[in-house]
C-alpha atoms as a PDB file:
ATOM      1  CA  MET A   1     -26.586   7.945   8.682  1.00  0.00           C
ATOM      2  CA  LEU A   2     -24.601   9.409  11.049  1.00  0.00           C
ATOM      3  CA  SER A   3     -21.913  12.555  10.871  1.00  0.00           C
ATOM      4  CA  ALA A   4     -18.544  11.468  11.480  1.00  0.00           C
ATOM      5  CA  GLU A   5     -18.861  13.635  14.351  1.00  0.00           C
ATOM      6  CA  ASP A   6     -22.128  12.156  15.785  1.00  0.00           C
ATOM      7  CA  ASN A   7     -20.617   8.664  15.307  1.00  0.00           C
ATOM      8  CA  ALA A   8     -17.498  10.280  17.556  1.00  0.00           C
ATOM      9  CA  LEU A   9     -20.210  10.830  19.938  1.00  0.00           C
ATOM     10  CA  LEU A  10     -21.098   7.671  20.238  1.00  0.00           C
ATOM     11  CA  THR A  11     -19.063   5.351  20.319  1.00  0.00           C
ATOM     12  CA  ARG A  12     -15.805   7.090  22.306  1.00  0.00           C
ATOM     13  CA  THR A  13     -16.551   5.730  26.002  1.00  0.00           C
ATOM     14  CA  GLY A  14     -13.028   6.275  27.492  1.00  0.00           C
ATOM     15  CA  PRO A  15     -12.859   8.693  30.531  1.00  0.00           C
ATOM     16  CA  GLY A  16     -13.645  12.116  30.422  1.00  0.00           C
ATOM     17  CA  THR A  17     -16.337  11.150  26.926  1.00  0.00           C
ATOM     18  CA  ALA A  18     -19.557  11.808  26.779  1.00  0.00           C
ATOM     19  CA  MET A  19     -20.773   8.346  26.366  1.00  0.00           C
ATOM     20  CA  GLY A  20     -18.220   7.312  28.704  1.00  0.00           C
ATOM     21  CA  GLU A  21     -19.596   8.915  30.905  1.00  0.00           C
ATOM     22  CA  LEU A  22     -22.940   8.019  30.905  1.00  0.00           C
ATOM     23  CA  PHE A  23     -22.198   4.706  30.593  1.00  0.00           C
ATOM     24  CA  ARG A  24     -20.290   4.800  33.705  1.00  0.00           C
ATOM     25  CA  ARG A  25     -23.222   5.843  35.530  1.00  0.00           C
ATOM     26  CA  PHE A  26     -24.879   2.609  34.797  1.00  0.00           C
ATOM     27  CA  TRP A  27     -24.065  -1.067  36.540  1.00  0.00           C
ATOM     28  CA  MET A  28     -21.677  -2.957  33.429  1.00  0.00           C
ATOM     29  CA  PRO A  29     -21.521  -6.464  33.322  1.00  0.00           C
ATOM     30  CA  VAL A  30     -17.156  -7.021  33.801  1.00  0.00           C
ATOM     31  CA  ALA A  31     -16.699 -10.863  34.017  1.00  0.00           C
ATOM     32  CA  LEU A  32     -18.753 -14.062  34.288  1.00  0.00           C
ATOM     33  CA  ALA A  33     -19.035 -14.958  38.030  1.00  0.00           C
ATOM     34  CA  GLN A  34     -17.609 -18.551  37.010  1.00  0.00           C
ATOM     35  CA  GLU A  35     -14.594 -16.721  35.451  1.00  0.00           C
ATOM     36  CA  LEU A  36     -13.586 -16.144  39.253  1.00  0.00           C
ATOM     37  CA  PRO A  37     -14.398 -19.414  40.480  1.00  0.00           C
ATOM     38  CA  ALA A  38     -13.282 -19.589  44.208  1.00  0.00           C
ATOM     39  CA  PRO A  39     -12.095 -17.959  47.023  1.00  0.00           C
ATOM     40  CA  ASP A  40      -8.803 -16.714  46.713  1.00  0.00           C
ATOM     41  CA  CYS A  41      -8.180 -17.834  43.133  1.00  0.00           C
ATOM     42  CA  PRO A  42      -6.429 -16.581  40.496  1.00  0.00           C
ATOM     43  CA  PRO A  43      -7.270 -12.582  39.166  1.00  0.00           C
ATOM     44  CA  ILE A  44      -8.098 -11.749  36.226  1.00  0.00           C
ATOM     45  CA  ARG A  45      -7.126  -8.908  34.060  1.00  0.00           C
ATOM     46  CA  GLY A  46      -9.492  -6.458  32.342  1.00  0.00           C
ATOM     47  CA  LYS A  47     -10.085  -3.678  30.386  1.00  0.00           C
ATOM     48  CA  ILE A  48     -13.333  -1.435  30.295  1.00  0.00           C
ATOM     49  CA  MET A  49     -14.034   1.510  28.438  1.00  0.00           C
ATOM     50  CA  ASP A  50     -10.186   2.375  28.210  1.00  0.00           C
ATOM     51  CA  GLU A  51      -9.658   1.506  31.640  1.00  0.00           C
ATOM     52  CA  ASP A  52      -7.275  -1.128  32.960  1.00  0.00           C
ATOM     53  CA  LEU A  53      -8.601  -3.331  35.677  1.00  0.00           C
ATOM     54  CA  LEU A  54      -7.713  -6.367  37.751  1.00  0.00           C
ATOM     55  CA  ALA A  55     -10.777  -8.199  39.391  1.00  0.00           C
ATOM     56  CA  PHE A  56     -10.295 -10.863  42.096  1.00  0.00           C
ATOM     57  CA  ARG A  57     -12.490 -12.960  44.826  1.00  0.00           C
ATOM     58  CA  ASP A  58     -11.264 -12.964  48.202  1.00  0.00           C
ATOM     59  CA  THR A  59     -11.169 -15.516  51.364  1.00  0.00           C
ATOM     60  CA  ASP A  60     -14.935 -14.327  51.910  1.00  0.00           C
ATOM     61  CA  GLY A  61     -15.975 -14.403  48.579  1.00  0.00           C
ATOM     62  CA  ARG A  62     -16.283 -10.902  47.845  1.00  0.00           C
ATOM     63  CA  VAL A  63     -15.119  -9.761  44.336  1.00  0.00           C
ATOM     64  CA  GLY A  64     -13.262  -6.678  43.787  1.00  0.00           C
ATOM     65  CA  LEU A  65     -12.280  -4.834  41.014  1.00  0.00           C
ATOM     66  CA  VAL A  66      -9.129  -2.503  41.399  1.00  0.00           C
ATOM     67  CA  ASP A  67      -6.517  -0.562  39.680  1.00  0.00           C
ATOM     68  CA  PRO A  68      -4.052  -3.159  38.443  1.00  0.00           C
ATOM     69  CA  ARG A  69      -1.075  -0.517  39.547  1.00  0.00           C
ATOM     70  CA  CYS A  70       0.419  -0.919  43.093  1.00  0.00           C
ATOM     71  CA  ALA A  71       0.451   1.980  44.605  1.00  0.00           C
ATOM     72  CA  HIS A  72       4.342   1.968  45.504  1.00  0.00           C
ATOM     73  CA  ARG A  73       6.040   0.998  42.163  1.00  0.00           C
ATOM     74  CA  GLY A  74       3.734   0.338  39.883  1.00  0.00           C
ATOM     75  CA  ALA A  75       4.321  -3.470  39.584  1.00  0.00           C
ATOM     76  CA  ASN A  76       1.273  -4.911  38.399  1.00  0.00           C
ATOM     77  CA  LEU A  77      -0.897  -6.622  40.923  1.00  0.00           C
ATOM     78  CA  PHE A  78      -1.866  -9.727  38.271  1.00  0.00           C
ATOM     79  CA  PHE A  79       1.432 -11.403  39.409  1.00  0.00           C
ATOM     80  CA  GLY A  80       0.578 -11.213  43.117  1.00  0.00           C
ATOM     81  CA  ARG A  81      -1.204 -13.402  45.864  1.00  0.00           C
ATOM     82  CA  ASN A  82      -4.560 -13.879  46.483  1.00  0.00           C
ATOM     83  CA  GLU A  83      -4.401 -14.656  50.028  1.00  0.00           C
ATOM     84  CA  GLU A  84      -6.008 -13.860  53.202  1.00  0.00           C
ATOM     85  CA  CYS A  85      -8.868 -11.219  52.542  1.00  0.00           C
ATOM     86  CA  GLY A  86      -6.059  -9.289  49.647  1.00  0.00           C
ATOM     87  CA  LEU A  87      -4.262  -9.097  47.010  1.00  0.00           C
ATOM     88  CA  ARG A  88      -0.458  -8.951  47.850  1.00  0.00           C
ATOM     89  CA  CYS A  89       1.888  -7.177  45.355  1.00  0.00           C
ATOM     90  CA  ALA A  90       4.415 -10.012  44.644  1.00  0.00           C
ATOM     91  CA  TYR A  91       7.401  -7.099  44.525  1.00  0.00           C
ATOM     92  CA  HIS A  92       7.134  -5.462  47.961  1.00  0.00           C
ATOM     93  CA  GLY A  93       4.406  -7.371  50.249  1.00  0.00           C
ATOM     94  CA  PHE A  94       2.033  -4.340  49.806  1.00  0.00           C
ATOM     95  CA  LYS A  95      -1.357  -5.852  50.176  1.00  0.00           C
ATOM     96  CA  TYR A  96      -4.947  -4.342  48.673  1.00  0.00           C
ATOM     97  CA  ASP A  97      -8.767  -5.470  49.912  1.00  0.00           C
ATOM     98  CA  VAL A  98     -11.604  -5.517  47.641  1.00  0.00           C
ATOM     99  CA  ASN A  99     -12.245  -1.701  48.685  1.00  0.00           C
ATOM    100  CA  GLY A 100      -8.857  -0.809  47.433  1.00  0.00           C
ATOM    101  CA  ARG A 101      -7.386  -0.056  50.800  1.00  0.00           C
ATOM    102  CA  CYS A 102      -3.930  -0.831  51.947  1.00  0.00           C
ATOM    103  CA  VAL A 103      -4.260  -3.633  54.194  1.00  0.00           C
ATOM    104  CA  ASP A 104      -0.748  -4.382  55.084  1.00  0.00           C
ATOM    105  CA  MET A 105       2.998  -2.778  54.516  1.00  0.00           C
ATOM    106  CA  PRO A 106       5.471  -5.317  55.395  1.00  0.00           C
ATOM    107  CA  THR A 107       8.323  -3.484  54.406  1.00  0.00           C
ATOM    108  CA  MET A 108       7.331  -0.836  57.219  1.00  0.00           C
ATOM    109  CA  PRO A 109       7.617  -0.792  61.090  1.00  0.00           C
ATOM    110  CA  PRO A 110       4.922  -2.565  62.604  1.00  0.00           C
ATOM    111  CA  GLU A 111       3.551   0.311  64.341  1.00  0.00           C
ATOM    112  CA  SER A 112       3.510   2.813  61.200  1.00  0.00           C
ATOM    113  CA  ARG A 113       0.099   3.696  59.911  1.00  0.00           C
ATOM    114  CA  PHE A 114       1.243   5.013  56.485  1.00  0.00           C
ATOM    115  CA  ARG A 115      -0.694   2.171  55.004  1.00  0.00           C
ATOM    116  CA  ASP A 116      -3.886   4.131  55.787  1.00  0.00           C
ATOM    117  CA  LYS A 117      -3.316   6.850  53.535  1.00  0.00           C
ATOM    118  CA  VAL A 118      -2.629   4.604  50.480  1.00  0.00           C
ATOM    119  CA  ARG A 119      -5.233   2.823  48.295  1.00  0.00           C
ATOM    120  CA  LEU A 120      -5.662   2.238  44.887  1.00  0.00           C
ATOM    121  CA  THR A 121      -9.209   2.624  42.246  1.00  0.00           C
ATOM    122  CA  ALA A 122     -11.610   0.520  43.220  1.00  0.00           C
ATOM    123  CA  TYR A 123     -15.143   0.161  41.701  1.00  0.00           C
ATOM    124  CA  PRO A 124     -18.489  -1.417  43.767  1.00  0.00           C
ATOM    125  CA  THR A 125     -19.446  -4.610  42.636  1.00  0.00           C
ATOM    126  CA  ARG A 126     -22.391  -6.822  42.738  1.00  0.00           C
ATOM    127  CA  GLU A 127     -22.703 -10.328  41.528  1.00  0.00           C
ATOM    128  CA  TRP A 128     -26.647 -10.588  39.433  1.00  0.00           C
ATOM    129  CA  GLY A 129     -27.433 -13.632  37.163  1.00  0.00           C
ATOM    130  CA  GLU A 130     -23.914 -15.278  37.024  1.00  0.00           C
ATOM    131  CA  LEU A 131     -22.369 -12.129  36.088  1.00  0.00           C
ATOM    132  CA  VAL A 132     -20.386 -10.252  37.929  1.00  0.00           C
ATOM    133  CA  TRP A 133     -21.377  -5.929  37.736  1.00  0.00           C
ATOM    134  CA  ALA A 134     -19.314  -3.017  38.315  1.00  0.00           C
ATOM    135  CA  TYR A 135     -20.363   0.595  39.008  1.00  0.00           C
ATOM    136  CA  LEU A 136     -17.531   3.351  38.142  1.00  0.00           C
ATOM    137  CA  GLY A 137     -19.187   6.202  38.256  1.00  0.00           C
ATOM    138  CA  PRO A 138     -19.316   8.971  41.136  1.00  0.00           C
ATOM    139  CA  ALA A 139     -19.324   7.402  44.410  1.00  0.00           C
ATOM    140  CA  GLY A 140     -22.611   6.912  46.456  1.00  0.00           C
ATOM    141  CA  ARG A 141     -24.575   7.212  43.028  1.00  0.00           C
ATOM    142  CA  GLU A 142     -24.763   4.195  41.982  1.00  0.00           C
ATOM    143  CA  PRO A 143     -28.431   3.353  40.493  1.00  0.00           C
ATOM    144  CA  GLU A 144     -30.694  -0.083  41.119  1.00  0.00           C
ATOM    145  CA  LEU A 145     -29.078  -3.299  38.693  1.00  0.00           C
ATOM    146  CA  PRO A 146     -30.666  -3.582  35.733  1.00  0.00           C
ATOM    147  CA  GLN A 147     -34.073  -5.867  36.107  1.00  0.00           C
ATOM    148  CA  LEU A 148     -33.237  -8.427  33.491  1.00  0.00           C
ATOM    149  CA  GLU A 149     -35.749 -11.356  33.216  1.00  0.00           C
ATOM    150  CA  PHE A 150     -33.092 -13.751  33.343  1.00  0.00           C
ATOM    151  CA  ALA A 151     -31.101 -12.640  36.091  1.00  0.00           C
ATOM    152  CA  GLN A 152     -33.969 -12.764  38.620  1.00  0.00           C
ATOM    153  CA  LEU A 153     -34.573 -16.527  37.431  1.00  0.00           C
ATOM    154  CA  PRO A 154     -33.083 -19.849  39.057  1.00  0.00           C
ATOM    155  CA  PRO A 155     -30.004 -20.756  37.568  1.00  0.00           C
ATOM    156  CA  ALA A 156     -31.458 -24.167  35.997  1.00  0.00           C
ATOM    157  CA  HIS A 157     -33.664 -21.549  33.776  1.00  0.00           C
ATOM    158  CA  ARG A 158     -30.714 -19.648  32.745  1.00  0.00           C
ATOM    159  CA  PHE A 159     -27.148 -19.866  30.526  1.00  0.00           C
ATOM    160  CA  VAL A 160     -24.792 -16.922  30.525  1.00  0.00           C
ATOM    161  CA  SER A 161     -21.731 -16.855  28.656  1.00  0.00           C
ATOM    162  CA  LYS A 162     -19.241 -13.966  26.741  1.00  0.00           C
ATOM    163  CA  LYS A 163     -17.937 -13.345  23.175  1.00  0.00           C
ATOM    164  CA  LEU A 164     -15.286 -10.726  22.004  1.00  0.00           C
ATOM    165  CA  GLN A 165     -16.683  -8.317  18.848  1.00  0.00           C
ATOM    166  CA  GLN A 166     -13.895  -6.962  17.148  1.00  0.00           C
ATOM    167  CA  CYS A 167     -15.890  -3.324  16.614  1.00  0.00           C
ATOM    168  CA  ASN A 168     -16.894  -1.129  18.936  1.00  0.00           C
ATOM    169  CA  TRP A 169     -20.568  -1.371  20.755  1.00  0.00           C
ATOM    170  CA  ALA A 170     -22.822   0.575  18.656  1.00  0.00           C
ATOM    171  CA  GLN A 171     -22.132  -1.507  15.465  1.00  0.00           C
ATOM    172  CA  ALA A 172     -22.570  -4.512  17.654  1.00  0.00           C
ATOM    173  CA  CYS A 173     -25.642  -3.329  19.214  1.00  0.00           C
ATOM    174  CA  GLU A 174     -27.160  -2.395  16.254  1.00  0.00           C
ATOM    175  CA  GLY A 175     -26.758  -5.765  14.322  1.00  0.00           C
ATOM    176  CA  ALA A 176     -28.813  -7.035  17.242  1.00  0.00           C
ATOM    177  CA  ILE A 177     -31.521  -4.811  16.604  1.00  0.00           C
ATOM    178  CA  ASP A 178     -31.657  -5.239  13.078  1.00  0.00           C
ATOM    179  CA  THR A 179     -34.015  -7.988  11.593  1.00  0.00           C
ATOM    180  CA  ALA A 180     -33.293  -7.004   8.278  1.00  0.00           C
ATOM    181  CA  HIS A 181     -29.711  -8.601   7.663  1.00  0.00           C
ATOM    182  CA  PHE A 182     -31.392 -12.322   8.628  1.00  0.00           C
ATOM    183  CA  SER A 183     -33.072 -12.581   5.530  1.00  0.00           C
ATOM    184  CA  PHE A 184     -29.001 -12.352   3.968  1.00  0.00           C
ATOM    185  CA  LEU A 185     -26.528 -13.296   6.613  1.00  0.00           C
ATOM    186  CA  HIS A 186     -28.573 -15.974   8.012  1.00  0.00           C
ATOM    187  CA  MET A 187     -29.514 -17.358   4.765  1.00  0.00           C
ATOM    188  CA  PRO A 188     -26.155 -18.860   3.552  1.00  0.00           C
ATOM    189  CA  VAL A 189     -26.942 -18.858  -0.060  1.00  0.00           C
ATOM    190  CA  TRP A 190     -29.599 -16.419  -0.740  1.00  0.00           C
ATOM    191  CA  SER A 191     -29.567 -16.646  -4.406  1.00  0.00           C
ATOM    192  CA  SER A 192     -29.792 -20.777  -4.664  1.00  0.00           C
ATOM    193  CA  GLU A 193     -33.223 -21.888  -4.231  1.00  0.00           C
ATOM    194  CA  ALA A 194     -31.497 -25.062  -2.981  1.00  0.00           C
ATOM    195  CA  GLY A 195     -29.051 -22.942  -0.515  1.00  0.00           C
ATOM    196  CA  ILE A 196     -32.245 -21.221   0.496  1.00  0.00           C
ATOM    197  CA  ASP A 197     -34.362 -24.477   1.038  1.00  0.00           C
ATOM    198  CA  ALA A 198     -31.399 -26.030   2.909  1.00  0.00           C
ATOM    199  CA  SER A 199     -31.397 -22.696   4.707  1.00  0.00           C
ATOM    200  CA  VAL A 200     -34.868 -23.584   5.831  1.00  0.00           C
ATOM    201  CA  ARG A 201     -34.318 -26.977   7.085  1.00  0.00           C
ATOM    202  CA  ARG A 202     -31.376 -26.526   9.164  1.00  0.00           C
ATOM    203  CA  SER A 203     -33.199 -23.536  10.809  1.00  0.00           C
ATOM    204  CA  SER A 204     -33.679 -23.482  14.792  1.00  0.00           C
ATOM    205  CA  VAL A 205     -36.964 -21.617  14.288  1.00  0.00           C
ATOM    206  CA  ASP A 206     -40.061 -23.300  12.533  1.00  0.00           C
ATOM    207  CA  THR A 207     -40.138 -23.644   8.822  1.00  0.00           C
ATOM    208  CA  GLU A 208     -42.672 -20.921   8.407  1.00  0.00           C
ATOM    209  CA  ARG A 209     -40.783 -18.249  10.096  1.00  0.00           C
ATOM    210  CA  THR A 210     -37.705 -18.744   8.134  1.00  0.00           C
ATOM    211  CA  ARG A 211     -39.869 -19.324   4.606  1.00  0.00           C
ATOM    212  CA  TRP A 212     -40.710 -15.675   5.827  1.00  0.00           C
ATOM    213  CA  MET A 213     -37.946 -14.171   6.537  1.00  0.00           C
ATOM    214  CA  ARG A 214     -36.513 -15.567   3.024  1.00  0.00           C
ATOM    215  CA  ASP A 215     -38.925 -14.311   0.506  1.00  0.00           C
ATOM    216  CA  ASP A 216     -39.537 -11.018   2.195  1.00  0.00           C
ATOM    217  CA  PRO A 217     -35.942  -9.404   2.533  1.00  0.00           C
ATOM    218  CA  ARG A 218     -37.948  -5.711   2.845  1.00  0.00           C
ATOM    219  CA  PRO A 219     -39.344  -5.574   6.229  1.00  0.00           C
ATOM    220  CA  GLU A 220     -41.251  -2.399   7.337  1.00  0.00           C
ATOM    221  CA  PHE A 221     -40.668  -1.001  10.815  1.00  0.00           C
ATOM    222  CA  ASP A 222     -42.314   0.300  13.046  1.00  0.00           C
ATOM    223  CA  VAL A 223     -40.535   2.046  16.565  1.00  0.00           C
ATOM    224  CA  VAL A 224     -42.221   2.514  19.517  1.00  0.00           C
ATOM    225  CA  ALA A 225     -40.131   4.271  22.635  1.00  0.00           C
ATOM    226  CA  HIS A 226     -40.348   3.905  26.073  1.00  0.00           C
ATOM    227  CA  GLU A 227     -39.560   5.080  29.460  1.00  0.00           C
ATOM    228  CA  VAL A 228     -36.028   2.590  29.463  1.00  0.00           C
ATOM    229  CA  GLY A 229     -35.553   2.635  25.813  1.00  0.00           C
ATOM    230  CA  PHE A 230     -38.382   1.619  22.890  1.00  0.00           C
ATOM    231  CA  VAL A 231     -39.501  -1.756  21.002  1.00  0.00           C
ATOM    232  CA  ALA A 232     -38.647  -2.145  17.593  1.00  0.00           C
ATOM    233  CA  GLY A 233     -41.428  -4.081  15.461  1.00  0.00           C
ATOM    234  CA  ALA A 234     -40.312  -5.267  11.642  1.00  0.00           C
ATOM    235  CA  ALA A 235     -43.445  -6.507   9.436  1.00  0.00           C
ATOM    236  CA  ARG A 236     -42.613  -8.898   6.610  1.00  0.00           C
ATOM    237  CA  LYS A 237     -45.211 -10.386   4.747  1.00  0.00           C
ATOM    238  CA  ALA A 238     -46.475 -13.776   5.829  1.00  0.00           C
ATOM    239  CA  ASP A 239     -48.826 -16.022   3.703  1.00  0.00           C
ATOM    240  CA  GLY A 240     -52.032 -14.616   2.435  1.00  0.00           C
ATOM    241  CA  ASP A 241     -53.230 -11.051   4.052  1.00  0.00           C
ATOM    242  CA  ASN A 242     -50.815 -11.944   7.452  1.00  0.00           C
ATOM    243  CA  LEU A 243     -47.876  -9.980   7.974  1.00  0.00           C
ATOM    244  CA  TYR A 244     -45.075 -11.703  10.519  1.00  0.00           C
ATOM    245  CA  TRP A 245     -43.455  -9.370  13.025  1.00  0.00           C
ATOM    246  CA  ARG A 246     -40.304  -9.884  14.213  1.00  0.00           C
ATOM    247  CA  VAL A 247     -39.820  -7.517  17.769  1.00  0.00           C
ATOM    248  CA  ALA A 248     -36.792  -6.202  19.048  1.00  0.00           C
ATOM    249  CA  GLN A 249     -36.068  -4.770  22.422  1.00  0.00           C
ATOM    250  CA  PHE A 250     -33.610  -2.273  23.569  1.00  0.00           C
ATOM    251  CA  MET A 251     -32.907  -0.911  26.862  1.00  0.00           C
ATOM    252  CA  LEU A 252     -30.901   2.092  27.609  1.00  0.00           C
ATOM    253  CA  PRO A 253     -27.907   1.684  28.128  1.00  0.00           C
ATOM    254  CA  ASN A 254     -26.564  -1.140  26.344  1.00  0.00           C
ATOM    255  CA  HIS A 255     -29.168  -4.531  26.471  1.00  0.00           C
ATOM    256  CA  ALA A 256     -31.556  -5.632  23.709  1.00  0.00           C
ATOM    257  CA  LEU A 257     -33.721  -8.640  23.363  1.00  0.00           C
ATOM    258  CA  THR A 258     -33.464 -10.821  20.202  1.00  0.00           C
ATOM    259  CA  PRO A 259     -36.581 -10.880  18.140  1.00  0.00           C
ATOM    260  CA  ASN A 260     -36.716 -14.629  17.972  1.00  0.00           C
ATOM    261  CA  ALA A 261     -39.189 -16.574  20.929  1.00  0.00           C
ATOM    262  CA  LEU A 262     -42.795 -16.887  21.279  1.00  0.00           C
ATOM    263  CA  PRO A 263     -44.174 -17.302  24.463  1.00  0.00           C
ATOM    264  CA  GLY A 264     -43.014 -20.721  25.981  1.00  0.00           C
ATOM    265  CA  GLU A 265     -39.855 -20.760  23.816  1.00  0.00           C
ATOM    266  CA  THR A 266     -36.408 -19.800  25.258  1.00  0.00           C
ATOM    267  CA  TYR A 267     -35.280 -16.080  25.252  1.00  0.00           C
ATOM    268  CA  HIS A 268     -32.242 -14.730  24.153  1.00  0.00           C
ATOM    269  CA  GLY A 269     -30.323 -11.545  25.033  1.00  0.00           C
ATOM    270  CA  GLN A 270     -27.383  -9.274  25.017  1.00  0.00           C
ATOM    271  CA  THR A 271     -25.374  -6.629  26.955  1.00  0.00           C
ATOM    272  CA  TRP A 272     -22.688  -4.969  24.959  1.00  0.00           C
ATOM    273  CA  VAL A 273     -19.609  -3.623  26.911  1.00  0.00           C
ATOM    274  CA  PRO A 274     -17.195  -1.651  25.664  1.00  0.00           C
ATOM    275  CA  ILE A 275     -13.618  -2.764  26.124  1.00  0.00           C
ATOM    276  CA  THR A 276     -11.859   0.092  24.041  1.00  0.00           C
ATOM    277  CA  ASP A 277     -13.248   2.419  20.893  1.00  0.00           C
ATOM    278  CA  GLU A 278     -12.937  -0.569  18.248  1.00  0.00           C
ATOM    279  CA  LEU A 279     -13.442  -3.840  20.792  1.00  0.00           C
ATOM    280  CA  CYS A 280     -16.513  -4.714  23.019  1.00  0.00           C
ATOM    281  CA  TRP A 281     -17.165  -7.649  25.692  1.00  0.00           C
ATOM    282  CA  VAL A 282     -20.645  -8.792  24.748  1.00  0.00           C
ATOM    283  CA  TYR A 283     -22.530 -10.596  27.499  1.00  0.00           C
ATOM    284  CA  CYS A 284     -25.128 -13.040  26.477  1.00  0.00           C
ATOM    285  CA  TYR A 285     -27.857 -14.788  28.357  1.00  0.00           C
ATOM    286  CA  SER A 286     -30.432 -17.271  27.393  1.00  0.00           C
ATOM    287  CA  TRP A 287     -33.352 -18.157  29.978  1.00  0.00           C
ATOM    288  CA  ASN A 288     -36.841 -19.567  30.096  1.00  0.00           C
ATOM    289  CA  PRO A 289     -38.852 -18.493  32.436  1.00  0.00           C
ATOM    290  CA  ASP A 290     -41.884 -21.635  32.008  1.00  0.00           C
ATOM    291  CA  ARG A 291     -39.057 -24.462  32.578  1.00  0.00           C
ATOM    292  CA  PRO A 292     -35.066 -25.045  33.505  1.00  0.00           C
ATOM    293  CA  LEU A 293     -33.063 -25.412  30.724  1.00  0.00           C
ATOM    294  CA  SER A 294     -32.211 -28.498  29.503  1.00  0.00           C
ATOM    295  CA  GLU A 295     -28.966 -30.119  28.872  1.00  0.00           C
ATOM    296  CA  ASP A 296     -29.301 -30.189  25.419  1.00  0.00           C
ATOM    297  CA  ASP A 297     -29.628 -26.715  25.485  1.00  0.00           C
ATOM    298  CA  ARG A 298     -26.964 -25.943  27.093  1.00  0.00           C
ATOM    299  CA  ARG A 299     -24.841 -28.002  24.677  1.00  0.00           C
ATOM    300  CA  ALA A 300     -25.964 -26.318  21.791  1.00  0.00           C
ATOM    301  CA  PHE A 301     -25.479 -22.863  23.141  1.00  0.00           C
ATOM    302  CA  ARG A 302     -22.025 -23.739  24.710  1.00  0.00           C
ATOM    303  CA  LYS A 303     -21.410 -24.794  20.857  1.00  0.00           C
ATOM    304  CA  GLY A 304     -22.228 -20.999  19.576  1.00  0.00           C
ATOM    305  CA  ARG A 305     -25.405 -21.184  18.807  1.00  0.00           C
ATOM    306  CA  SER A 306     -27.984 -18.493  18.648  1.00  0.00           C
ATOM    307  CA  VAL A 307     -26.389 -15.458  20.447  1.00  0.00           C
ATOM    308  CA  HIS A 308     -23.462 -17.222  22.158  1.00  0.00           C
ATOM    309  CA  ALA A 309     -20.327 -18.232  21.875  1.00  0.00           C
ATOM    310  CA  ASP A 310     -18.218 -21.251  23.498  1.00  0.00           C
ATOM    311  CA  VAL A 311     -14.989 -19.101  23.563  1.00  0.00           C
ATOM    312  CA  HIS A 312     -13.889 -16.974  26.373  1.00  0.00           C
ATOM    313  CA  ALA A 313     -11.026 -14.737  25.690  1.00  0.00           C
ATOM    314  CA  ARG A 314      -9.125 -12.619  28.526  1.00  0.00           C
END
């Protein structure tokens, strides 16, 4: 168990905190690409690691992520106009591009260059795997985008979504790589034989695997570290002298793959992005490297099967 001090160190991610500074050195997903569906579409509000931000797609299709407050009088740019490669404040018309530069001050004389001295805080963005990623760390120190398999496949092979989880990012992450809870949380009536059998019949995996999880709620864990995180294997008693292993992968700083797929099956993963110290976004992705996802697959994901959610709150 963590001490209160270590727990605070791990879960506080606002500006100036140790974990917040660490997270800001990595690319973080900040939106689904589909939330900004077209050039000059309405902007979307967000909060990442206790920073209020505004995302918009400009006329050229580029995504900007900026401080939502106009540098002039602090008016919220969410109510501005997204037009001609910039976001224009509705109050006095100051206009900002995706890099946060003020490119127009219509209340100033045309010959004035004062706009060159005005800019918003802005963060670089990239679109990768149908997610919008942002880097909130020191300028010029951007690392490589995370080379997660789902993002490297054609769009037909993947499905992405996000869900709001009302806990800190570490609590949500811990639940994803903990396979012991499957024997309880995902067995609706664990102590009832009829309920257990019904759970097995309703399971999305084969009955043998579900039965092994049902019958052995005490998996033994073996953790192997690697250069980007660790692999956690959990062994349960299977039939005879065999063991059933469920293997989860954690990758720094906040990515994990769920332990529920065999070769040829569809894989699932998640990335946790703190909103505040009590809320987080969970970006979910399913992919199959061997075949395009079927419409039945996508329909099930939209309904909340596996790690996905069909409601994307803002």
